[in-house]
Amino acid sequence: MTKQHVDVLSVIEVNNKTIYGIKNRQVLKWLHLLKEHSPEETRENVALYLGR
């Protein structure tokens, strides 16, 4: 990565809401309680929500 001039690490500002949100999503994934939707499922859900 160094030869390609790509930064290996980056520093970003986060708040507690972001930290706990990421942590909670990971815990739900480990417990198989978080379902990840495909783009098609997401599109259908949004269309149903908006009423089209």
Protein backbone atom coordinates (compact mmCIF):
# COMPACT_ATOMS: atom_id res chain seq x y z
CA MET A 1 0.00 0.00 0.00
CA THR A 2 2.90 2.32 0.67
CA LYS A 3 4.16 1.82 -2.89
CA GLN A 4 0.73 2.80 -4.20
CA HIS A 5 0.77 5.93 -2.02
CA VAL A 6 -2.35 4.84 -0.15
CA ASP A 7 -2.81 5.94 3.44
CA VAL A 8 -2.85 2.89 5.68
CA LEU A 9 -4.46 4.66 8.62
CA SER A 10 -6.86 7.53 8.72
CA VAL A 11 -8.08 9.60 11.62
CA ILE A 12 -11.73 10.56 11.79
CA GLU A 13 -13.71 12.37 14.44
CA VAL A 14 -16.44 10.28 16.05
CA ASN A 15 -18.90 10.80 18.85
CA ASN A 16 -20.43 8.39 21.37
CA LYS A 17 -23.51 7.83 19.21
CA THR A 18 -21.32 6.58 16.36
CA ILE A 19 -19.17 4.40 18.61
CA TYR A 20 -22.09 2.71 20.34
CA GLY A 21 -24.04 2.35 17.08
CA ILE A 22 -21.15 0.47 15.45
CA LYS A 23 -20.64 -1.65 18.56
CA ASN A 24 -24.32 -2.52 18.85
CA ARG A 25 -24.60 -3.46 15.16
CA GLN A 26 -21.60 -5.79 15.52
CA VAL A 27 -23.07 -7.47 18.62
CA LEU A 28 -26.37 -7.98 16.77
CA LYS A 29 -24.48 -9.55 13.85
CA TRP A 30 -22.69 -11.95 16.20
CA LEU A 31 -26.04 -12.96 17.73
CA HIS A 32 -27.58 -13.32 14.24
CA LEU A 33 -30.24 -10.76 15.14
CA LEU A 34 -29.34 -8.21 12.46
CA LYS A 35 -30.51 -8.93 8.95
CA GLU A 36 -28.65 -7.25 6.13
CA HIS A 37 -30.87 -6.48 3.15
CA SER A 38 -29.89 -6.77 -0.48
CA PRO A 39 -30.23 -3.64 -2.63
CA GLU A 40 -33.39 -5.11 -4.18
CA GLU A 41 -34.97 -5.73 -0.76
CA THR A 42 -34.05 -2.22 0.34
CA ARG A 43 -35.58 -0.75 -2.83
CA GLU A 44 -38.80 -2.71 -2.27
CA ASN A 45 -38.99 -1.70 1.40
CA VAL A 46 -38.52 1.98 0.56
CA ALA A 47 -41.16 1.79 -2.17
CA LEU A 48 -43.61 0.17 0.26
CA TYR A 49 -42.82 2.76 2.91
CA LEU A 50 -43.35 5.66 0.51
CA GLY A 51 -46.50 4.08 -0.91
CA ARG A 52 -45.46 3.60 -4.52
